[in-house]
Amino acid sequence: MSALTAIENVELPMNFAKIPKQEQEERAYVLLQIVGLEGRVDHLPVQMSGGEQQRVAVARALANNAPLILGDEPTGDLESQLNL
């Protein structure tokens, strides 16, 4: 969602799952760390590259520990030399 920061985007599915707010914040931050965006948590999508936006989407997909994630080109905009 373009009006939400990176961390708010990752928290969104957890909010729908009624996960407590503090747990949402902690888990979202850890997921953003995993995808290498801990320094961009308060950035809006327009302030991030396409690859960074894609990594936020990956973190959001992982937020509720889904047993299966289907992605349409989930690495399409990622930088080829990304060290995760």
PDB file of N, CA and C in Angstrom:
ATOM      1  N   MET A   1       0.837  -1.171   0.000  1.00  0.00           N
ATOM      2  CA  MET A   1       0.000   0.000   0.000  1.00  0.00           C
ATOM      3  C   MET A   1       0.888   1.243   0.000  1.00  0.00           C
ATOM      4  N   SER A   2       0.620   2.155  -0.889  1.00  0.00           N
ATOM      5  CA  SER A   2       1.499   3.298  -1.110  1.00  0.00           C
ATOM      6  C   SER A   2       1.469   4.350  -0.003  1.00  0.00           C
ATOM      7  N   ALA A   3       0.456   4.359   0.847  1.00  0.00           N
ATOM      8  CA  ALA A   3       0.366   5.359   1.913  1.00  0.00           C
ATOM      9  C   ALA A   3       0.951   4.856   3.229  1.00  0.00           C
ATOM     10  N   LEU A   4       1.447   3.620   3.245  1.00  0.00           N
ATOM     11  CA  LEU A   4       1.987   3.025   4.467  1.00  0.00           C
ATOM     12  C   LEU A   4       3.506   2.937   4.388  1.00  0.00           C
ATOM     13  N   THR A   5       4.153   3.096   5.529  1.00  0.00           N
ATOM     14  CA  THR A   5       5.602   2.908   5.587  1.00  0.00           C
ATOM     15  C   THR A   5       5.924   1.422   5.441  1.00  0.00           C
ATOM     16  N   ALA A   6       7.200   1.135   5.290  1.00  0.00           N
ATOM     17  CA  ALA A   6       7.628  -0.259   5.144  1.00  0.00           C
ATOM     18  C   ALA A   6       7.161  -1.098   6.333  1.00  0.00           C
ATOM     19  N   ILE A   7       7.361  -0.608   7.536  1.00  0.00           N
ATOM     20  CA  ILE A   7       6.989  -1.399   8.709  1.00  0.00           C
ATOM     21  C   ILE A   7       5.471  -1.547   8.814  1.00  0.00           C
ATOM     22  N   GLU A   8       4.727  -0.504   8.472  1.00  0.00           N
ATOM     23  CA  GLU A   8       3.265  -0.587   8.497  1.00  0.00           C
ATOM     24  C   GLU A   8       2.760  -1.608   7.471  1.00  0.00           C
ATOM     25  N   ASN A   9       3.422  -1.666   6.305  1.00  0.00           N
ATOM     26  CA  ASN A   9       3.053  -2.647   5.290  1.00  0.00           C
ATOM     27  C   ASN A   9       3.248  -4.072   5.796  1.00  0.00           C
ATOM     28  N   VAL A  10       4.342  -4.316   6.501  1.00  0.00           N
ATOM     29  CA  VAL A  10       4.612  -5.658   7.014  1.00  0.00           C
ATOM     30  C   VAL A  10       3.669  -5.997   8.171  1.00  0.00           C
ATOM     31  N   GLU A  11       3.299  -5.008   8.960  1.00  0.00           N
ATOM     32  CA  GLU A  11       2.379  -5.231  10.083  1.00  0.00           C
ATOM     33  C   GLU A  11       0.942  -5.502   9.623  1.00  0.00           C
ATOM     34  N   LEU A  12       0.568  -5.018   8.457  1.00  0.00           N
ATOM     35  CA  LEU A  12      -0.821  -5.073   8.004  1.00  0.00           C
ATOM     36  C   LEU A  12      -1.448  -6.472   8.068  1.00  0.00           C
ATOM     37  N   PRO A  13      -0.831  -7.515   7.510  1.00  0.00           N
ATOM     38  CA  PRO A  13      -1.490  -8.832   7.596  1.00  0.00           C
ATOM     39  C   PRO A  13      -1.585  -9.350   9.034  1.00  0.00           C
ATOM     40  N   MET A  14      -0.645  -8.955   9.884  1.00  0.00           N
ATOM     41  CA  MET A  14      -0.701  -9.382  11.280  1.00  0.00           C
ATOM     42  C   MET A  14      -1.845  -8.684  12.001  1.00  0.00           C
ATOM     43  N   ASN A  15      -2.139  -7.460  11.600  1.00  0.00           N
ATOM     44  CA  ASN A  15      -3.263  -6.722  12.167  1.00  0.00           C
ATOM     45  C   ASN A  15      -4.566  -7.449  11.854  1.00  0.00           C
ATOM     46  N   PHE A  16      -4.721  -7.896  10.609  1.00  0.00           N
ATOM     47  CA  PHE A  16      -5.916  -8.642  10.223  1.00  0.00           C
ATOM     48  C   PHE A  16      -6.024  -9.965  10.973  1.00  0.00           C
ATOM     49  N   ALA A  17      -4.866 -10.531  11.338  1.00  0.00           N
ATOM     50  CA  ALA A  17      -4.843 -11.792  12.081  1.00  0.00           C
ATOM     51  C   ALA A  17      -4.994 -11.568  13.582  1.00  0.00           C
ATOM     52  N   LYS A  18      -5.200 -10.302  13.979  1.00  0.00           N
ATOM     53  CA  LYS A  18      -5.427  -9.931  15.384  1.00  0.00           C
ATOM     54  C   LYS A  18      -4.245 -10.279  16.299  1.00  0.00           C
ATOM     55  N   ILE A  19      -3.044 -10.158  15.767  1.00  0.00           N
ATOM     56  CA  ILE A  19      -1.835 -10.337  16.562  1.00  0.00           C
ATOM     57  C   ILE A  19      -1.633  -9.060  17.373  1.00  0.00           C
ATOM     58  N   PRO A  20      -1.260  -9.164  18.652  1.00  0.00           N
ATOM     59  CA  PRO A  20      -1.060  -7.967  19.481  1.00  0.00           C
ATOM     60  C   PRO A  20      -0.067  -6.983  18.842  1.00  0.00           C
ATOM     61  N   LYS A  21      -0.343  -5.691  19.006  1.00  0.00           N
ATOM     62  CA  LYS A  21       0.431  -4.633  18.358  1.00  0.00           C
ATOM     63  C   LYS A  21       1.923  -4.735  18.634  1.00  0.00           C
ATOM     64  N   GLN A  22       2.319  -4.986  19.871  1.00  0.00           N
ATOM     65  CA  GLN A  22       3.754  -5.054  20.178  1.00  0.00           C
ATOM     66  C   GLN A  22       4.410  -6.216  19.429  1.00  0.00           C
ATOM     67  N   GLU A  23       3.737  -7.347  19.359  1.00  0.00           N
ATOM     68  CA  GLU A  23       4.272  -8.488  18.615  1.00  0.00           C
ATOM     69  C   GLU A  23       4.356  -8.164  17.123  1.00  0.00           C
ATOM     70  N   GLN A  24       3.361  -7.445  16.607  1.00  0.00           N
ATOM     71  CA  GLN A  24       3.388  -7.020  15.204  1.00  0.00           C
ATOM     72  C   GLN A  24       4.640  -6.191  14.928  1.00  0.00           C
ATOM     73  N   GLU A  25       4.882  -5.210  15.774  1.00  0.00           N
ATOM     74  CA  GLU A  25       6.021  -4.312  15.589  1.00  0.00           C
ATOM     75  C   GLU A  25       7.337  -5.065  15.656  1.00  0.00           C
ATOM     76  N   GLU A  26       7.460  -5.949  16.646  1.00  0.00           N
ATOM     77  CA  GLU A  26       8.704  -6.709  16.802  1.00  0.00           C
ATOM     78  C   GLU A  26       8.939  -7.635  15.613  1.00  0.00           C
ATOM     79  N   ARG A  27       7.912  -8.379  15.227  1.00  0.00           N
ATOM     80  CA  ARG A  27       8.045  -9.327  14.120  1.00  0.00           C
ATOM     81  C   ARG A  27       8.308  -8.593  12.806  1.00  0.00           C
ATOM     82  N   ALA A  28       7.611  -7.483  12.587  1.00  0.00           N
ATOM     83  CA  ALA A  28       7.807  -6.711  11.353  1.00  0.00           C
ATOM     84  C   ALA A  28       9.236  -6.197  11.263  1.00  0.00           C
ATOM     85  N   TYR A  29       9.772  -5.704  12.374  1.00  0.00           N
ATOM     86  CA  TYR A  29      11.143  -5.195  12.359  1.00  0.00           C
ATOM     87  C   TYR A  29      12.131  -6.319  12.068  1.00  0.00           C
ATOM     88  N   VAL A  30      11.940  -7.477  12.680  1.00  0.00           N
ATOM     89  CA  VAL A  30      12.826  -8.617  12.434  1.00  0.00           C
ATOM     90  C   VAL A  30      12.761  -9.034  10.964  1.00  0.00           C
ATOM     91  N   LEU A  31      11.557  -9.087  10.407  1.00  0.00           N
ATOM     92  CA  LEU A  31      11.414  -9.462   8.999  1.00  0.00           C
ATOM     93  C   LEU A  31      12.094  -8.439   8.089  1.00  0.00           C
ATOM     94  N   LEU A  32      11.979  -7.165   8.402  1.00  0.00           N
ATOM     95  CA  LEU A  32      12.660  -6.155   7.595  1.00  0.00           C
ATOM     96  C   LEU A  32      14.173  -6.265   7.749  1.00  0.00           C
ATOM     97  N   GLN A  33      14.647  -6.644   8.919  1.00  0.00           N
ATOM     98  CA  GLN A  33      16.076  -6.901   9.096  1.00  0.00           C
ATOM     99  C   GLN A  33      16.514  -8.060   8.208  1.00  0.00           C
ATOM    100  N   ILE A  34      15.733  -9.125   8.184  1.00  0.00           N
ATOM    101  CA  ILE A  34      16.068 -10.312   7.399  1.00  0.00           C
ATOM    102  C   ILE A  34      16.218  -9.968   5.921  1.00  0.00           C
ATOM    103  N   VAL A  35      15.354  -9.086   5.416  1.00  0.00           N
ATOM    104  CA  VAL A  35      15.437  -8.724   4.000  1.00  0.00           C
ATOM    105  C   VAL A  35      16.350  -7.508   3.763  1.00  0.00           C
ATOM    106  N   GLY A  36      17.067  -7.084   4.797  1.00  0.00           N
ATOM    107  CA  GLY A  36      18.064  -6.025   4.648  1.00  0.00           C
ATOM    108  C   GLY A  36      17.520  -4.614   4.605  1.00  0.00           C
ATOM    109  N   LEU A  37      16.370  -4.388   5.215  1.00  0.00           N
ATOM    110  CA  LEU A  37      15.766  -3.050   5.171  1.00  0.00           C
ATOM    111  C   LEU A  37      15.582  -2.420   6.547  1.00  0.00           C
ATOM    112  N   GLU A  38      16.382  -2.803   7.513  1.00  0.00           N
ATOM    113  CA  GLU A  38      16.206  -2.249   8.855  1.00  0.00           C
ATOM    114  C   GLU A  38      16.401  -0.730   8.872  1.00  0.00           C
ATOM    115  N   GLY A  39      17.126  -0.186   7.941  1.00  0.00           N
ATOM    116  CA  GLY A  39      17.332   1.253   7.877  1.00  0.00           C
ATOM    117  C   GLY A  39      16.251   1.994   7.093  1.00  0.00           C
ATOM    118  N   ARG A  40      15.255   1.269   6.592  1.00  0.00           N
ATOM    119  CA  ARG A  40      14.224   1.883   5.753  1.00  0.00           C
ATOM    120  C   ARG A  40      12.820   1.688   6.324  1.00  0.00           C
ATOM    121  N   VAL A  41      12.701   1.331   7.590  1.00  0.00           N
ATOM    122  CA  VAL A  41      11.402   0.975   8.174  1.00  0.00           C
ATOM    123  C   VAL A  41      10.372   2.099   8.091  1.00  0.00           C
ATOM    124  N   ASP A  42      10.800   3.344   8.136  1.00  0.00           N
ATOM    125  CA  ASP A  42       9.863   4.473   8.122  1.00  0.00           C
ATOM    126  C   ASP A  42       9.708   5.102   6.740  1.00  0.00           C
ATOM    127  N   HIS A  43      10.231   4.449   5.711  1.00  0.00           N
ATOM    128  CA  HIS A  43      10.146   4.990   4.362  1.00  0.00           C
ATOM    129  C   HIS A  43       8.867   4.544   3.660  1.00  0.00           C
ATOM    130  N   LEU A  44       8.316   5.434   2.872  1.00  0.00           N
ATOM    131  CA  LEU A  44       7.162   5.129   2.031  1.00  0.00           C
ATOM    132  C   LEU A  44       7.653   4.475   0.737  1.00  0.00           C
ATOM    133  N   PRO A  45       6.785   3.762   0.025  1.00  0.00           N
ATOM    134  CA  PRO A  45       7.202   3.118  -1.217  1.00  0.00           C
ATOM    135  C   PRO A  45       7.852   4.077  -2.225  1.00  0.00           C
ATOM    136  N   VAL A  46       7.348   5.303  -2.335  1.00  0.00           N
ATOM    137  CA  VAL A  46       7.931   6.252  -3.292  1.00  0.00           C
ATOM    138  C   VAL A  46       9.355   6.650  -2.920  1.00  0.00           C
ATOM    139  N   GLN A  47       9.764   6.364  -1.693  1.00  0.00           N
ATOM    140  CA  GLN A  47      11.108   6.688  -1.232  1.00  0.00           C
ATOM    141  C   GLN A  47      12.053   5.496  -1.354  1.00  0.00           C
ATOM    142  N   MET A  48      11.579   4.394  -1.926  1.00  0.00           N
ATOM    143  CA  MET A  48      12.383   3.176  -2.054  1.00  0.00           C
ATOM    144  C   MET A  48      12.487   2.758  -3.512  1.00  0.00           C
ATOM    145  N   SER A  49      13.542   2.023  -3.815  1.00  0.00           N
ATOM    146  CA  SER A  49      13.702   1.481  -5.161  1.00  0.00           C
ATOM    147  C   SER A  49      12.703   0.343  -5.372  1.00  0.00           C
ATOM    148  N   GLY A  50      12.560  -0.084  -6.615  1.00  0.00           N
ATOM    149  CA  GLY A  50      11.677  -1.213  -6.913  1.00  0.00           C
ATOM    150  C   GLY A  50      12.097  -2.469  -6.177  1.00  0.00           C
ATOM    151  N   GLY A  51      13.401  -2.695  -6.063  1.00  0.00           N
ATOM    152  CA  GLY A  51      13.894  -3.863  -5.337  1.00  0.00           C
ATOM    153  C   GLY A  51      13.587  -3.796  -3.853  1.00  0.00           C
ATOM    154  N   GLU A  52      13.708  -2.606  -3.274  1.00  0.00           N
ATOM    155  CA  GLU A  52      13.378  -2.443  -1.859  1.00  0.00           C
ATOM    156  C   GLU A  52      11.886  -2.656  -1.637  1.00  0.00           C
ATOM    157  N   GLN A  53      11.063  -2.155  -2.537  1.00  0.00           N
ATOM    158  CA  GLN A  53       9.621  -2.369  -2.431  1.00  0.00           C
ATOM    159  C   GLN A  53       9.298  -3.859  -2.512  1.00  0.00           C
ATOM    160  N   GLN A  54      10.010  -4.562  -3.372  1.00  0.00           N
ATOM    161  CA  GLN A  54       9.785  -6.000  -3.523  1.00  0.00           C
ATOM    162  C   GLN A  54      10.184  -6.735  -2.244  1.00  0.00           C
ATOM    163  N   ARG A  55      11.267  -6.304  -1.613  1.00  0.00           N
ATOM    164  CA  ARG A  55      11.687  -6.939  -0.353  1.00  0.00           C
ATOM    165  C   ARG A  55      10.685  -6.683   0.763  1.00  0.00           C
ATOM    166  N   VAL A  56      10.059  -5.502   0.783  1.00  0.00           N
ATOM    167  CA  VAL A  56       8.985  -5.242   1.747  1.00  0.00           C
ATOM    168  C   VAL A  56       7.841  -6.223   1.498  1.00  0.00           C
ATOM    169  N   ALA A  57       7.511  -6.444   0.229  1.00  0.00           N
ATOM    170  CA  ALA A  57       6.431  -7.380  -0.109  1.00  0.00           C
ATOM    171  C   ALA A  57       6.777  -8.802   0.330  1.00  0.00           C
ATOM    172  N   VAL A  58       8.025  -9.197   0.217  1.00  0.00           N
ATOM    173  CA  VAL A  58       8.451 -10.524   0.675  1.00  0.00           C
ATOM    174  C   VAL A  58       8.304 -10.609   2.194  1.00  0.00           C
ATOM    175  N   ALA A  59       8.747  -9.579   2.907  1.00  0.00           N
ATOM    176  CA  ALA A  59       8.610  -9.564   4.368  1.00  0.00           C
ATOM    177  C   ALA A  59       7.143  -9.634   4.768  1.00  0.00           C
ATOM    178  N   ARG A  60       6.283  -8.899   4.072  1.00  0.00           N
ATOM    179  CA  ARG A  60       4.848  -8.916   4.362  1.00  0.00           C
ATOM    180  C   ARG A  60       4.265 -10.308   4.126  1.00  0.00           C
ATOM    181  N   ALA A  61       4.719 -10.988   3.067  1.00  0.00           N
ATOM    182  CA  ALA A  61       4.230 -12.332   2.774  1.00  0.00           C
ATOM    183  C   ALA A  61       4.628 -13.317   3.868  1.00  0.00           C
ATOM    184  N   LEU A  62       5.750 -13.065   4.524  1.00  0.00           N
ATOM    185  CA  LEU A  62       6.239 -13.954   5.580  1.00  0.00           C
ATOM    186  C   LEU A  62       5.643 -13.640   6.958  1.00  0.00           C
ATOM    187  N   ALA A  63       4.942 -12.538   7.073  1.00  0.00           N
ATOM    188  CA  ALA A  63       4.503 -12.020   8.369  1.00  0.00           C
ATOM    189  C   ALA A  63       3.662 -12.986   9.193  1.00  0.00           C
ATOM    190  N   ASN A  64       2.774 -13.744   8.575  1.00  0.00           N
ATOM    191  CA  ASN A  64       1.876 -14.620   9.332  1.00  0.00           C
ATOM    192  C   ASN A  64       2.261 -16.097   9.255  1.00  0.00           C
ATOM    193  N   ASN A  65       3.506 -16.362   8.891  1.00  0.00           N
ATOM    194  CA  ASN A  65       4.019 -17.735   8.863  1.00  0.00           C
ATOM    195  C   ASN A  65       3.143 -18.674   8.034  1.00  0.00           C
ATOM    196  N   ALA A  66       2.766 -18.237   6.864  1.00  0.00           N
ATOM    197  CA  ALA A  66       1.943 -19.059   5.977  1.00  0.00           C
ATOM    198  C   ALA A  66       2.687 -20.342   5.607  1.00  0.00           C
ATOM    199  N   PRO A  67       1.980 -21.465   5.535  1.00  0.00           N
ATOM    200  CA  PRO A  67       2.645 -22.721   5.177  1.00  0.00           C
ATOM    201  C   PRO A  67       3.091 -22.751   3.717  1.00  0.00           C
ATOM    202  N   LEU A  68       2.498 -21.901   2.878  1.00  0.00           N
ATOM    203  CA  LEU A  68       2.836 -21.859   1.458  1.00  0.00           C
ATOM    204  C   LEU A  68       2.640 -20.435   0.961  1.00  0.00           C
ATOM    205  N   ILE A  69       3.608 -19.948   0.206  1.00  0.00           N
ATOM    206  CA  ILE A  69       3.511 -18.618  -0.391  1.00  0.00           C
ATOM    207  C   ILE A  69       3.691 -18.775  -1.895  1.00  0.00           C
ATOM    208  N   LEU A  70       2.731 -18.299  -2.657  1.00  0.00           N
ATOM    209  CA  LEU A  70       2.823 -18.308  -4.106  1.00  0.00           C
ATOM    210  C   LEU A  70       3.175 -16.903  -4.564  1.00  0.00           C
ATOM    211  N   GLY A  71       4.245 -16.778  -5.325  1.00  0.00           N
ATOM    212  CA  GLY A  71       4.659 -15.457  -5.781  1.00  0.00           C
ATOM    213  C   GLY A  71       4.826 -15.421  -7.287  1.00  0.00           C
ATOM    214  N   ASP A  72       4.372 -14.350  -7.887  1.00  0.00           N
ATOM    215  CA  ASP A  72       4.544 -14.127  -9.313  1.00  0.00           C
ATOM    216  C   ASP A  72       5.785 -13.266  -9.494  1.00  0.00           C
ATOM    217  N   GLU A  73       6.884 -13.877  -9.855  1.00  0.00           N
ATOM    218  CA  GLU A  73       8.168 -13.215 -10.010  1.00  0.00           C
ATOM    219  C   GLU A  73       8.582 -12.437  -8.753  1.00  0.00           C
ATOM    220  N   PRO A  74       8.644 -13.118  -7.610  1.00  0.00           N
ATOM    221  CA  PRO A  74       8.955 -12.420  -6.352  1.00  0.00           C
ATOM    222  C   PRO A  74      10.351 -11.811  -6.309  1.00  0.00           C
ATOM    223  N   THR A  75      11.233 -12.236  -7.192  1.00  0.00           N
ATOM    224  CA  THR A  75      12.578 -11.667  -7.211  1.00  0.00           C
ATOM    225  C   THR A  75      12.796 -10.790  -8.439  1.00  0.00           C
ATOM    226  N   GLY A  76      11.724 -10.425  -9.133  1.00  0.00           N
ATOM    227  CA  GLY A  76      11.817  -9.678 -10.380  1.00  0.00           C
ATOM    228  C   GLY A  76      12.583  -8.371 -10.306  1.00  0.00           C
ATOM    229  N   ASP A  77      12.405  -7.579  -9.291  1.00  0.00           N
ATOM    230  CA  ASP A  77      13.065  -6.275  -9.185  1.00  0.00           C
ATOM    231  C   ASP A  77      14.241  -6.272  -8.214  1.00  0.00           C
ATOM    232  N   LEU A  78      14.581  -7.447  -7.671  1.00  0.00           N
ATOM    233  CA  LEU A  78      15.669  -7.479  -6.708  1.00  0.00           C
ATOM    234  C   LEU A  78      17.022  -7.266  -7.383  1.00  0.00           C
ATOM    235  N   GLU A  79      17.920  -6.640  -6.654  1.00  0.00           N
ATOM    236  CA  GLU A  79      19.265  -6.410  -7.148  1.00  0.00           C
ATOM    237  C   GLU A  79      19.983  -7.753  -7.288  1.00  0.00           C
ATOM    238  N   SER A  80      20.704  -7.960  -8.369  1.00  0.00           N
ATOM    239  CA  SER A  80      21.335  -9.256  -8.621  1.00  0.00           C
ATOM    240  C   SER A  80      22.423  -9.595  -7.615  1.00  0.00           C
ATOM    241  N   GLN A  81      23.042  -8.615  -7.000  1.00  0.00           N
ATOM    242  CA  GLN A  81      24.126  -8.851  -6.049  1.00  0.00           C
ATOM    243  C   GLN A  81      23.705  -8.662  -4.604  1.00  0.00           C
ATOM    244  N   LEU A  82      22.436  -8.780  -4.318  1.00  0.00           N
ATOM    245  CA  LEU A  82      21.922  -8.589  -2.962  1.00  0.00           C
ATOM    246  C   LEU A  82      22.463  -9.672  -2.045  1.00  0.00           C
ATOM    247  N   ASN A  83      23.041  -9.260  -0.932  1.00  0.00           N
ATOM    248  CA  ASN A  83      23.604 -10.212   0.030  1.00  0.00           C
ATOM    249  C   ASN A  83      22.680 -10.371   1.213  1.00  0.00           C
ATOM    250  N   LEU A  84      21.756 -11.293   1.123  1.00  0.00           N
ATOM    251  CA  LEU A  84      20.852 -11.545   2.246  1.00  0.00           C
ATOM    252  C   LEU A  84      21.264 -12.780   2.971  1.00  0.00           C
TER     253      LEU A  84
END
